[in-house]
Amino acid sequence: MNQIRRQPDRARSDRADLDAVLDAAAVGTLATVVDGQPWVVPMLYARDGDRVLLHGSTGAGALRHVAAGAPAAFCVTLLDGIVVADTLFDSSANYRSAVVRGNLTVIDPADATHALNLMSDSLIPGRSAEVRASTKKELAATLAMALPITPDGWTVKVRDAPPAQPEQIADSSGWAGVVPLRTVAGEPIPAPWIDADAIVPESVHRLVKGT
């Protein structure tokens, strides 16, 4: 694992901590350097054991660049709360973040369908079993990639605490604490072309219920 030098007390060293952060989010940012310029893009992803699965269009030149083996970093951040301190200087946020570094590889075509289904089911559990299989044309237009998770190629930081207590509580200007934040699913909104009597699929019900 790469060493975290700033606020090392927030670093987590267990692989289970990394998996927990990666499994809790759905979007991360992939970064690399293309023609001497920084390149960063948000991407949906899924963790599959010791690899992070990503996908995009085969027409995206930067994706082909990283798929060809260029060094890359993938970052995930979850904002869990706003830390309201008695001063602006001490105000902060509770968060979980992870960075995975390495070299991406193109997933073998024989494994691409499984990888794409896994990514879909990571976002909408069980959805791949409710729809038709991807066509050869769709698979040919999709670049499925994997970023290996190696022992020395990741870092995790977590802040989960109230604001620091002032040295002199009497000098505090008032209330201090944490405002928790969370993302919740709302009621499904059907597409305009869907019949009003159409049944909402079970995968969407589970997504809304969070089960």
Protein backbone atom coordinates (compact mmCIF):
# COMPACT_ATOMS: atom_id res chain seq x y z
CA MET A 1 0.00 0.00 0.00
CA ASN A 2 1.26 3.52 -0.79
CA GLN A 3 2.03 5.57 2.30
CA ILE A 4 -0.23 8.50 3.24
CA ARG A 5 1.91 11.26 4.71
CA ARG A 6 -0.64 14.00 5.42
CA GLN A 7 -2.92 13.14 8.34
CA PRO A 8 -1.74 9.51 8.41
CA ASP A 9 -4.12 8.81 11.30
CA ARG A 10 -6.92 8.76 8.74
CA ALA A 11 -5.24 6.09 6.62
CA ARG A 12 -6.67 2.58 6.56
CA SER A 13 -4.37 -0.34 5.82
CA ASP A 14 -6.70 -3.35 5.73
CA ARG A 15 -7.79 -4.58 2.32
CA ALA A 16 -11.34 -4.92 3.71
CA ASP A 17 -11.40 -1.13 4.16
CA LEU A 18 -10.63 -0.65 0.47
CA ASP A 19 -13.31 -3.12 -0.60
CA ALA A 20 -15.87 -1.42 1.66
CA VAL A 21 -15.29 1.97 0.04
CA LEU A 22 -15.27 0.62 -3.51
CA ASP A 23 -18.42 -1.41 -2.91
CA ALA A 24 -20.30 1.52 -1.35
CA ALA A 25 -19.99 3.82 -4.39
CA ALA A 26 -21.01 3.60 -8.03
CA VAL A 27 -19.01 6.43 -9.63
CA GLY A 28 -15.31 7.20 -9.58
CA THR A 29 -12.87 9.28 -11.59
CA LEU A 30 -10.26 7.77 -13.88
CA ALA A 31 -7.13 9.87 -14.40
CA THR A 32 -4.10 9.55 -16.64
CA VAL A 33 -1.87 11.68 -18.88
CA VAL A 34 -2.54 11.89 -22.62
CA ASP A 35 -0.06 13.67 -24.90
CA GLY A 36 1.47 15.42 -21.90
CA GLN A 37 -1.87 16.75 -20.66
CA PRO A 38 -3.87 15.62 -17.61
CA TRP A 39 -7.05 13.69 -18.42
CA VAL A 40 -9.79 12.91 -15.89
CA VAL A 41 -13.27 11.50 -16.48
CA PRO A 42 -16.04 10.26 -14.13
CA MET A 43 -17.03 6.65 -14.79
CA LEU A 44 -19.43 4.03 -13.48
CA TYR A 45 -17.61 0.97 -12.21
CA ALA A 46 -17.87 -2.26 -10.24
CA ARG A 47 -15.41 -4.20 -8.13
CA ASP A 48 -14.92 -7.83 -9.12
CA GLY A 49 -12.63 -9.42 -6.55
CA ASP A 50 -9.14 -8.08 -7.15
CA ARG A 51 -10.02 -5.82 -10.04
CA VAL A 52 -12.04 -2.70 -10.80
CA LEU A 53 -14.22 -3.07 -13.89
CA LEU A 54 -14.72 -0.07 -16.18
CA HIS A 55 -16.27 0.38 -19.60
CA GLY A 56 -16.70 3.02 -22.28
CA SER A 57 -16.92 3.56 -26.01
CA THR A 58 -14.31 2.01 -28.27
CA GLY A 59 -14.28 5.37 -30.05
CA ALA A 60 -12.88 7.20 -27.03
CA GLY A 61 -9.21 7.80 -27.75
CA ALA A 62 -8.22 8.44 -24.14
CA LEU A 63 -9.82 5.18 -23.04
CA ARG A 64 -7.88 3.32 -25.71
CA HIS A 65 -4.78 5.05 -24.33
CA VAL A 66 -5.24 3.64 -20.83
CA ALA A 67 -6.46 0.32 -22.19
CA ALA A 68 -3.13 0.05 -24.01
CA GLY A 69 -1.32 0.09 -20.66
CA ALA A 70 -0.75 3.75 -19.77
CA PRO A 71 -0.44 4.32 -15.98
CA ALA A 72 -3.73 5.41 -14.47
CA ALA A 73 -5.36 6.19 -11.14
CA PHE A 74 -8.97 5.60 -10.15
CA CYS A 75 -10.45 7.61 -7.26
CA VAL A 76 -13.69 7.14 -5.31
CA THR A 77 -15.00 9.55 -2.68
CA LEU A 78 -18.07 9.29 -0.44
CA LEU A 79 -19.18 12.39 1.47
CA ASP A 80 -20.78 11.19 4.72
CA GLY A 81 -21.31 14.41 6.63
CA ILE A 82 -20.53 18.08 7.06
CA VAL A 83 -18.51 18.79 10.20
CA VAL A 84 -19.69 22.10 11.69
CA ALA A 85 -17.02 23.42 14.05
CA ASP A 86 -16.99 26.56 16.15
CA THR A 87 -14.57 28.15 13.65
CA LEU A 88 -14.35 28.07 9.88
CA PHE A 89 -10.76 26.86 10.16
CA ASP A 90 -11.79 23.73 12.07
CA SER A 91 -14.90 22.96 10.00
CA SER A 92 -14.47 19.93 7.80
CA ALA A 93 -16.24 16.90 6.35
CA ASN A 94 -16.58 13.24 7.18
CA TYR A 95 -15.70 11.13 4.19
CA ARG A 96 -14.35 7.87 2.84
CA SER A 97 -11.97 7.89 -0.12
CA ALA A 98 -9.94 5.35 -2.03
CA VAL A 99 -7.38 5.56 -4.83
CA VAL A 100 -6.33 2.57 -6.93
CA ARG A 101 -3.27 2.97 -9.16
CA GLY A 102 -1.97 0.71 -11.88
CA ASN A 103 -2.29 -0.29 -15.52
CA LEU A 104 -5.59 -1.21 -17.11
CA THR A 105 -6.02 -4.15 -19.41
CA VAL A 106 -8.72 -4.89 -21.98
CA ILE A 107 -11.04 -7.65 -20.84
CA ASP A 108 -11.04 -10.70 -23.08
CA PRO A 109 -14.11 -10.75 -25.36
CA ALA A 110 -15.11 -14.11 -23.87
CA ASP A 111 -15.31 -12.43 -20.44
CA ALA A 112 -16.71 -9.08 -21.59
CA THR A 113 -20.38 -10.10 -21.33
CA HIS A 114 -19.89 -11.29 -17.75
CA ALA A 115 -18.04 -8.09 -16.84
CA LEU A 116 -20.69 -5.82 -18.36
CA ASN A 117 -23.48 -7.76 -16.66
CA LEU A 118 -21.66 -7.48 -13.36
CA MET A 119 -21.31 -3.72 -13.77
CA SER A 120 -25.01 -3.40 -14.58
CA ASP A 121 -26.04 -5.56 -11.64
CA SER A 122 -23.75 -3.58 -9.35
CA LEU A 123 -25.81 -0.48 -10.20
CA ILE A 124 -29.23 -2.16 -10.55
CA PRO A 125 -29.05 -5.58 -8.84
CA GLY A 126 -30.64 -8.32 -10.94
CA ARG A 127 -31.26 -6.17 -14.01
CA SER A 128 -29.18 -8.26 -16.40
CA ALA A 129 -31.55 -11.21 -15.93
CA GLU A 130 -34.58 -9.08 -16.91
CA VAL A 131 -33.41 -7.79 -20.28
CA ARG A 132 -32.16 -9.30 -23.53
CA ALA A 133 -28.52 -10.21 -23.92
CA SER A 134 -26.16 -7.67 -25.47
CA THR A 135 -25.82 -7.98 -29.22
CA LYS A 136 -22.50 -8.56 -31.00
CA LYS A 137 -22.72 -5.00 -32.35
CA GLU A 138 -23.18 -3.57 -28.84
CA LEU A 139 -20.30 -5.61 -27.46
CA ALA A 140 -18.07 -4.57 -30.36
CA ALA A 141 -18.79 -0.90 -29.60
CA THR A 142 -17.98 -1.26 -25.89
CA LEU A 143 -14.50 -1.22 -24.42
CA ALA A 144 -14.47 -3.28 -21.21
CA MET A 145 -11.39 -2.81 -19.05
CA ALA A 146 -10.02 -3.99 -15.72
CA LEU A 147 -7.74 -2.20 -13.27
CA PRO A 148 -5.98 -4.78 -11.08
CA ILE A 149 -5.90 -4.15 -7.33
CA THR A 150 -2.35 -4.90 -6.21
CA PRO A 151 -1.07 -4.87 -2.60
CA ASP A 152 1.06 -1.76 -3.15
CA GLY A 153 -1.29 0.07 -5.51
CA TRP A 154 -3.99 1.58 -3.32
CA THR A 155 -4.70 3.99 -0.49
CA VAL A 156 -7.75 4.61 1.70
CA LYS A 157 -8.53 7.59 3.95
CA VAL A 158 -11.47 7.96 6.31
CA ARG A 159 -12.65 10.79 8.53
CA ASP A 160 -15.51 9.85 10.84
CA ALA A 161 -15.48 12.14 13.86
CA PRO A 162 -17.08 15.20 15.41
CA PRO A 163 -15.33 18.57 15.29
CA ALA A 164 -12.35 18.94 17.56
CA GLN A 165 -13.10 20.34 20.98
CA PRO A 166 -11.83 23.91 21.45
CA GLU A 167 -8.99 24.39 23.90
CA GLN A 168 -11.27 26.74 25.82
CA ILE A 169 -14.93 25.69 25.58
CA ALA A 170 -15.94 29.04 27.02
CA ASP A 171 -14.53 30.68 23.88
CA SER A 172 -16.81 28.65 21.61
CA SER A 173 -19.31 30.70 19.63
CA GLY A 174 -22.14 28.20 19.95
CA TRP A 175 -23.33 24.97 18.40
CA ALA A 176 -20.93 22.48 16.81
CA GLY A 177 -21.52 18.99 15.47
CA VAL A 178 -22.04 16.90 12.35
CA VAL A 179 -24.76 17.03 9.70
CA PRO A 180 -24.98 13.49 8.22
CA LEU A 181 -25.46 13.16 4.47
CA ARG A 182 -26.83 10.21 2.51
CA THR A 183 -28.09 9.37 -0.96
CA VAL A 184 -31.51 7.76 -1.27
CA ALA A 185 -33.49 6.44 -4.23
CA GLY A 186 -36.72 8.22 -5.11
CA GLU A 187 -39.88 6.90 -6.74
CA PRO A 188 -39.22 5.53 -10.26
CA ILE A 189 -40.22 7.89 -13.09
CA PRO A 190 -41.28 6.02 -16.26
CA ALA A 191 -39.99 7.11 -19.64
CA PRO A 192 -42.47 9.15 -21.69
CA TRP A 193 -42.96 6.30 -24.15
CA ILE A 194 -43.75 3.68 -21.48
CA ASP A 195 -47.38 2.60 -21.07
CA ALA A 196 -48.85 3.89 -17.83
CA ASP A 197 -49.89 0.34 -16.90
CA ALA A 198 -46.41 -1.11 -17.45
CA ILE A 199 -45.16 -3.07 -14.44
CA VAL A 200 -42.07 -1.72 -12.70
CA PRO A 201 -39.45 -4.52 -12.79
CA GLU A 202 -38.37 -6.25 -9.61
CA SER A 203 -34.80 -4.97 -9.96
CA VAL A 204 -36.05 -1.37 -9.84
CA HIS A 205 -38.19 -2.13 -6.78
CA ARG A 206 -35.12 -3.54 -5.03
CA LEU A 207 -33.08 -0.50 -6.05
CA VAL A 208 -35.66 1.85 -4.52
CA LYS A 209 -35.91 -0.22 -1.35
CA GLY A 210 -32.15 -0.45 -1.07
CA THR A 211 -32.19 -4.25 -0.76
